[in-house]
Amino acid sequence: MTFHAPEDIATVLNIKPSTLRKYSLLLEQSGYLFKKNAQGHRWYTDTDLMALRKFITLKDSSGMTL
């Protein structure tokens, strides 16, 4: 399993790192689990990237605010 740094995921998704943190927190509040290192920092997998893409697509297509 490959892990990606938050900065890399933000770049791929074309969002700011602060937006990635916000989206990650919202997903965690809904029960989604991200892998975290010993310091509690999130590291993202390819599956997480797909989930975040889906989240962004749903958010953008619905016109709803978070």
PDB file of N, CA and C in Angstrom:
ATOM      1  N   MET A   1       0.849  -1.169   0.000  1.00  0.00           N
ATOM      2  CA  MET A   1       0.000   0.000   0.000  1.00  0.00           C
ATOM      3  C   MET A   1       0.900   1.241   0.000  1.00  0.00           C
ATOM      4  N   THR A   2       0.620   2.153  -0.894  1.00  0.00           N
ATOM      5  CA  THR A   2       1.397   3.377  -1.015  1.00  0.00           C
ATOM      6  C   THR A   2       0.689   4.509  -0.277  1.00  0.00           C
ATOM      7  N   PHE A   3       1.452   5.271   0.468  1.00  0.00           N
ATOM      8  CA  PHE A   3       0.904   6.421   1.180  1.00  0.00           C
ATOM      9  C   PHE A   3       1.431   7.697   0.556  1.00  0.00           C
ATOM     10  N   HIS A   4       0.561   8.711   0.519  1.00  0.00           N
ATOM     11  CA  HIS A   4       0.907   9.996  -0.081  1.00  0.00           C
ATOM     12  C   HIS A   4       0.802  11.098   0.968  1.00  0.00           C
ATOM     13  N   ALA A   5       1.694  12.064   0.878  1.00  0.00           N
ATOM     14  CA  ALA A   5       1.679  13.203   1.794  1.00  0.00           C
ATOM     15  C   ALA A   5       0.489  14.103   1.467  1.00  0.00           C
ATOM     16  N   PRO A   6      -0.043  14.778   2.468  1.00  0.00           N
ATOM     17  CA  PRO A   6      -1.173  15.684   2.239  1.00  0.00           C
ATOM     18  C   PRO A   6      -0.902  16.720   1.150  1.00  0.00           C
ATOM     19  N   GLU A   7       0.306  17.252   1.108  1.00  0.00           N
ATOM     20  CA  GLU A   7       0.633  18.265   0.105  1.00  0.00           C
ATOM     21  C   GLU A   7       0.500  17.698  -1.310  1.00  0.00           C
ATOM     22  N   ASP A   8       0.893  16.447  -1.483  1.00  0.00           N
ATOM     23  CA  ASP A   8       0.793  15.808  -2.797  1.00  0.00           C
ATOM     24  C   ASP A   8      -0.669  15.603  -3.198  1.00  0.00           C
ATOM     25  N   ILE A   9      -1.488  15.188  -2.252  1.00  0.00           N
ATOM     26  CA  ILE A   9      -2.911  14.962  -2.528  1.00  0.00           C
ATOM     27  C   ILE A   9      -3.593  16.283  -2.854  1.00  0.00           C
ATOM     28  N   ALA A  10      -3.281  17.332  -2.115  1.00  0.00           N
ATOM     29  CA  ALA A  10      -3.865  18.653  -2.381  1.00  0.00           C
ATOM     30  C   ALA A  10      -3.505  19.109  -3.791  1.00  0.00           C
ATOM     31  N   THR A  11      -2.271  18.876  -4.192  1.00  0.00           N
ATOM     32  CA  THR A  11      -1.832  19.259  -5.538  1.00  0.00           C
ATOM     33  C   THR A  11      -2.597  18.481  -6.602  1.00  0.00           C
ATOM     34  N   VAL A  12      -2.728  17.171  -6.411  1.00  0.00           N
ATOM     35  CA  VAL A  12      -3.446  16.330  -7.378  1.00  0.00           C
ATOM     36  C   VAL A  12      -4.905  16.771  -7.501  1.00  0.00           C
ATOM     37  N   LEU A  13      -5.520  17.123  -6.373  1.00  0.00           N
ATOM     38  CA  LEU A  13      -6.927  17.523  -6.370  1.00  0.00           C
ATOM     39  C   LEU A  13      -7.123  18.992  -6.730  1.00  0.00           C
ATOM     40  N   ASN A  14      -6.020  19.720  -6.872  1.00  0.00           N
ATOM     41  CA  ASN A  14      -6.061  21.143  -7.202  1.00  0.00           C
ATOM     42  C   ASN A  14      -6.827  21.947  -6.142  1.00  0.00           C
ATOM     43  N   ILE A  15      -6.537  21.627  -4.881  1.00  0.00           N
ATOM     44  CA  ILE A  15      -7.116  22.361  -3.760  1.00  0.00           C
ATOM     45  C   ILE A  15      -5.986  22.760  -2.805  1.00  0.00           C
ATOM     46  N   LYS A  16      -6.292  23.668  -1.914  1.00  0.00           N
ATOM     47  CA  LYS A  16      -5.308  24.087  -0.917  1.00  0.00           C
ATOM     48  C   LYS A  16      -5.191  23.017   0.168  1.00  0.00           C
ATOM     49  N   PRO A  17      -4.024  22.904   0.810  1.00  0.00           N
ATOM     50  CA  PRO A  17      -3.899  21.953   1.921  1.00  0.00           C
ATOM     51  C   PRO A  17      -4.923  22.199   3.032  1.00  0.00           C
ATOM     52  N   SER A  18      -5.266  23.450   3.276  1.00  0.00           N
ATOM     53  CA  SER A  18      -6.267  23.747   4.313  1.00  0.00           C
ATOM     54  C   SER A  18      -7.639  23.208   3.914  1.00  0.00           C
ATOM     55  N   THR A  19      -7.950  23.239   2.630  1.00  0.00           N
ATOM     56  CA  THR A  19      -9.217  22.679   2.143  1.00  0.00           C
ATOM     57  C   THR A  19      -9.209  21.164   2.278  1.00  0.00           C
ATOM     58  N   LEU A  20      -8.074  20.548   2.004  1.00  0.00           N
ATOM     59  CA  LEU A  20      -7.946  19.098   2.180  1.00  0.00           C
ATOM     60  C   LEU A  20      -8.190  18.718   3.640  1.00  0.00           C
ATOM     61  N   ARG A  21      -7.621  19.480   4.571  1.00  0.00           N
ATOM     62  CA  ARG A  21      -7.852  19.215   6.002  1.00  0.00           C
ATOM     63  C   ARG A  21      -9.333  19.326   6.335  1.00  0.00           C
ATOM     64  N   LYS A  22      -9.979  20.362   5.817  1.00  0.00           N
ATOM     65  CA  LYS A  22     -11.406  20.567   6.077  1.00  0.00           C
ATOM     66  C   LYS A  22     -12.231  19.389   5.550  1.00  0.00           C
ATOM     67  N   TYR A  23     -11.974  18.988   4.318  1.00  0.00           N
ATOM     68  CA  TYR A  23     -12.703  17.867   3.726  1.00  0.00           C
ATOM     69  C   TYR A  23     -12.425  16.569   4.490  1.00  0.00           C
ATOM     70  N   SER A  24     -11.185  16.372   4.893  1.00  0.00           N
ATOM     71  CA  SER A  24     -10.825  15.166   5.649  1.00  0.00           C
ATOM     72  C   SER A  24     -11.549  15.124   6.980  1.00  0.00           C
ATOM     73  N   LEU A  25     -11.618  16.262   7.660  1.00  0.00           N
ATOM     74  CA  LEU A  25     -12.343  16.326   8.935  1.00  0.00           C
ATOM     75  C   LEU A  25     -13.820  16.007   8.742  1.00  0.00           C
ATOM     76  N   LEU A  26     -14.418  16.550   7.692  1.00  0.00           N
ATOM     77  CA  LEU A  26     -15.829  16.274   7.427  1.00  0.00           C
ATOM     78  C   LEU A  26     -16.068  14.790   7.149  1.00  0.00           C
ATOM     79  N   LEU A  27     -15.182  14.179   6.394  1.00  0.00           N
ATOM     80  CA  LEU A  27     -15.318  12.748   6.136  1.00  0.00           C
ATOM     81  C   LEU A  27     -15.129  11.933   7.409  1.00  0.00           C
ATOM     82  N   GLU A  28     -14.161  12.328   8.233  1.00  0.00           N
ATOM     83  CA  GLU A  28     -13.946  11.612   9.504  1.00  0.00           C
ATOM     84  C   GLU A  28     -15.159  11.730  10.419  1.00  0.00           C
ATOM     85  N   GLN A  29     -15.806  12.878  10.420  1.00  0.00           N
ATOM     86  CA  GLN A  29     -16.998  13.055  11.244  1.00  0.00           C
ATOM     87  C   GLN A  29     -18.142  12.153  10.786  1.00  0.00           C
ATOM     88  N   SER A  30     -18.073  11.742   9.523  1.00  0.00           N
ATOM     89  CA  SER A  30     -19.082  10.827   8.980  1.00  0.00           C
ATOM     90  C   SER A  30     -18.660   9.370   9.088  1.00  0.00           C
ATOM     91  N   GLY A  31     -17.500   9.114   9.716  1.00  0.00           N
ATOM     92  CA  GLY A  31     -17.068   7.743   9.948  1.00  0.00           C
ATOM     93  C   GLY A  31     -15.948   7.241   9.064  1.00  0.00           C
ATOM     94  N   TYR A  32     -15.482   8.048   8.120  1.00  0.00           N
ATOM     95  CA  TYR A  32     -14.384   7.627   7.258  1.00  0.00           C
ATOM     96  C   TYR A  32     -13.085   7.664   8.051  1.00  0.00           C
ATOM     97  N   LEU A  33     -12.226   6.669   7.857  1.00  0.00           N
ATOM     98  CA  LEU A  33     -10.967   6.591   8.600  1.00  0.00           C
ATOM     99  C   LEU A  33      -9.777   6.773   7.664  1.00  0.00           C
ATOM    100  N   PHE A  34      -8.895   7.682   8.033  1.00  0.00           N
ATOM    101  CA  PHE A  34      -7.638   7.881   7.321  1.00  0.00           C
ATOM    102  C   PHE A  34      -6.520   7.290   8.179  1.00  0.00           C
ATOM    103  N   LYS A  35      -5.477   6.818   7.528  1.00  0.00           N
ATOM    104  CA  LYS A  35      -4.301   6.342   8.255  1.00  0.00           C
ATOM    105  C   LYS A  35      -3.562   7.555   8.812  1.00  0.00           C
ATOM    106  N   LYS A  36      -3.038   7.409  10.017  1.00  0.00           N
ATOM    107  CA  LYS A  36      -2.291   8.495  10.646  1.00  0.00           C
ATOM    108  C   LYS A  36      -0.962   7.965  11.160  1.00  0.00           C
ATOM    109  N   ASN A  37       0.040   8.829  11.125  1.00  0.00           N
ATOM    110  CA  ASN A  37       1.352   8.429  11.635  1.00  0.00           C
ATOM    111  C   ASN A  37       1.387   8.630  13.147  1.00  0.00           C
ATOM    112  N   ALA A  38       2.533   8.409  13.759  1.00  0.00           N
ATOM    113  CA  ALA A  38       2.674   8.492  15.217  1.00  0.00           C
ATOM    114  C   ALA A  38       2.364   9.891  15.755  1.00  0.00           C
ATOM    115  N   GLN A  39       2.553  10.906  14.919  1.00  0.00           N
ATOM    116  CA  GLN A  39       2.271  12.280  15.345  1.00  0.00           C
ATOM    117  C   GLN A  39       0.814  12.677  15.090  1.00  0.00           C
ATOM    118  N   GLY A  40       0.046  11.772  14.526  1.00  0.00           N
ATOM    119  CA  GLY A  40      -1.365  12.042  14.261  1.00  0.00           C
ATOM    120  C   GLY A  40      -1.621  12.724  12.927  1.00  0.00           C
ATOM    121  N   HIS A  41      -0.612  12.797  12.065  1.00  0.00           N
ATOM    122  CA  HIS A  41      -0.777  13.402  10.749  1.00  0.00           C
ATOM    123  C   HIS A  41      -1.369  12.387   9.781  1.00  0.00           C
ATOM    124  N   ARG A  42      -2.310  12.836   8.956  1.00  0.00           N
ATOM    125  CA  ARG A  42      -2.932  11.952   7.985  1.00  0.00           C
ATOM    126  C   ARG A  42      -1.979  11.675   6.831  1.00  0.00           C
ATOM    127  N   TRP A  43      -1.995  10.422   6.386  1.00  0.00           N
ATOM    128  CA  TRP A  43      -1.320  10.018   5.157  1.00  0.00           C
ATOM    129  C   TRP A  43      -2.380   9.342   4.325  1.00  0.00           C
ATOM    130  N   TYR A  44      -2.395   9.625   3.038  1.00  0.00           N
ATOM    131  CA  TYR A  44      -3.489   9.234   2.168  1.00  0.00           C
ATOM    132  C   TYR A  44      -3.098   8.098   1.228  1.00  0.00           C
ATOM    133  N   THR A  45      -4.046   7.196   1.005  1.00  0.00           N
ATOM    134  CA  THR A  45      -3.860   6.100   0.064  1.00  0.00           C
ATOM    135  C   THR A  45      -4.573   6.452  -1.246  1.00  0.00           C
ATOM    136  N   ASP A  46      -4.397   5.606  -2.252  1.00  0.00           N
ATOM    137  CA  ASP A  46      -5.108   5.803  -3.517  1.00  0.00           C
ATOM    138  C   ASP A  46      -6.619   5.705  -3.303  1.00  0.00           C
ATOM    139  N   THR A  47      -7.048   4.852  -2.392  1.00  0.00           N
ATOM    140  CA  THR A  47      -8.470   4.726  -2.067  1.00  0.00           C
ATOM    141  C   THR A  47      -8.994   6.024  -1.453  1.00  0.00           C
ATOM    142  N   ASP A  48      -8.194   6.635  -0.581  1.00  0.00           N
ATOM    143  CA  ASP A  48      -8.584   7.919   0.008  1.00  0.00           C
ATOM    144  C   ASP A  48      -8.701   8.989  -1.075  1.00  0.00           C
ATOM    145  N   LEU A  49      -7.787   8.967  -2.026  1.00  0.00           N
ATOM    146  CA  LEU A  49      -7.824   9.930  -3.125  1.00  0.00           C
ATOM    147  C   LEU A  49      -9.122   9.778  -3.919  1.00  0.00           C
ATOM    148  N   MET A  50      -9.521   8.544  -4.196  1.00  0.00           N
ATOM    149  CA  MET A  50     -10.783   8.313  -4.914  1.00  0.00           C
ATOM    150  C   MET A  50     -11.975   8.811  -4.097  1.00  0.00           C
ATOM    151  N   ALA A  51     -11.956   8.565  -2.785  1.00  0.00           N
ATOM    152  CA  ALA A  51     -13.052   9.021  -1.923  1.00  0.00           C
ATOM    153  C   ALA A  51     -13.126  10.544  -1.907  1.00  0.00           C
ATOM    154  N   LEU A  52     -11.985  11.196  -1.829  1.00  0.00           N
ATOM    155  CA  LEU A  52     -11.961  12.658  -1.834  1.00  0.00           C
ATOM    156  C   LEU A  52     -12.436  13.219  -3.168  1.00  0.00           C
ATOM    157  N   ARG A  53     -12.056  12.583  -4.258  1.00  0.00           N
ATOM    158  CA  ARG A  53     -12.532  13.019  -5.576  1.00  0.00           C
ATOM    159  C   ARG A  53     -14.052  12.911  -5.659  1.00  0.00           C
ATOM    160  N   LYS A  54     -14.589  11.803  -5.165  1.00  0.00           N
ATOM    161  CA  LYS A  54     -16.045  11.601  -5.161  1.00  0.00           C
ATOM    162  C   LYS A  54     -16.723  12.662  -4.299  1.00  0.00           C
ATOM    163  N   PHE A  55     -16.145  12.943  -3.131  1.00  0.00           N
ATOM    164  CA  PHE A  55     -16.676  13.951  -2.223  1.00  0.00           C
ATOM    165  C   PHE A  55     -16.732  15.311  -2.932  1.00  0.00           C
ATOM    166  N   ILE A  56     -15.647  15.681  -3.594  1.00  0.00           N
ATOM    167  CA  ILE A  56     -15.580  16.970  -4.287  1.00  0.00           C
ATOM    168  C   ILE A  56     -16.586  17.013  -5.433  1.00  0.00           C
ATOM    169  N   THR A  57     -16.697  15.925  -6.181  1.00  0.00           N
ATOM    170  CA  THR A  57     -17.654  15.861  -7.286  1.00  0.00           C
ATOM    171  C   THR A  57     -19.080  16.028  -6.777  1.00  0.00           C
ATOM    172  N   LEU A  58     -19.419  15.326  -5.706  1.00  0.00           N
ATOM    173  CA  LEU A  58     -20.769  15.445  -5.140  1.00  0.00           C
ATOM    174  C   LEU A  58     -21.025  16.849  -4.620  1.00  0.00           C
ATOM    175  N   LYS A  59     -20.041  17.425  -3.970  1.00  0.00           N
ATOM    176  CA  LYS A  59     -20.183  18.786  -3.442  1.00  0.00           C
ATOM    177  C   LYS A  59     -20.397  19.773  -4.585  1.00  0.00           C
ATOM    178  N   ASP A  60     -19.595  19.668  -5.631  1.00  0.00           N
ATOM    179  CA  ASP A  60     -19.671  20.607  -6.747  1.00  0.00           C
ATOM    180  C   ASP A  60     -20.947  20.436  -7.557  1.00  0.00           C
ATOM    181  N   SER A  61     -21.393  19.202  -7.755  1.00  0.00           N
ATOM    182  CA  SER A  61     -22.568  18.966  -8.590  1.00  0.00           C
ATOM    183  C   SER A  61     -23.876  19.293  -7.882  1.00  0.00           C
ATOM    184  N   SER A  62     -23.879  19.235  -6.570  1.00  0.00           N
ATOM    185  CA  SER A  62     -25.108  19.501  -5.832  1.00  0.00           C
ATOM    186  C   SER A  62     -25.332  20.978  -5.566  1.00  0.00           C
ATOM    187  N   GLY A  63     -24.248  21.750  -5.590  1.00  0.00           N
ATOM    188  CA  GLY A  63     -24.364  23.175  -5.298  1.00  0.00           C
ATOM    189  C   GLY A  63     -24.601  23.466  -3.831  1.00  0.00           C
ATOM    190  N   MET A  64     -24.529  22.434  -3.012  1.00  0.00           N
ATOM    191  CA  MET A  64     -24.767  22.591  -1.584  1.00  0.00           C
ATOM    192  C   MET A  64     -23.494  23.078  -0.885  1.00  0.00           C
ATOM    193  N   THR A  65     -23.686  23.800   0.191  1.00  0.00           N
ATOM    194  CA  THR A  65     -22.541  24.195   1.003  1.00  0.00           C
ATOM    195  C   THR A  65     -22.242  23.088   1.983  1.00  0.00           C
ATOM    196  N   LEU A  66     -21.021  23.103   2.478  1.00  0.00           N
ATOM    197  CA  LEU A  66     -20.622  22.063   3.426  1.00  0.00           C
ATOM    198  C   LEU A  66     -21.150  22.407   4.800  1.00  0.00           C
TER     199      LEU A  66
END
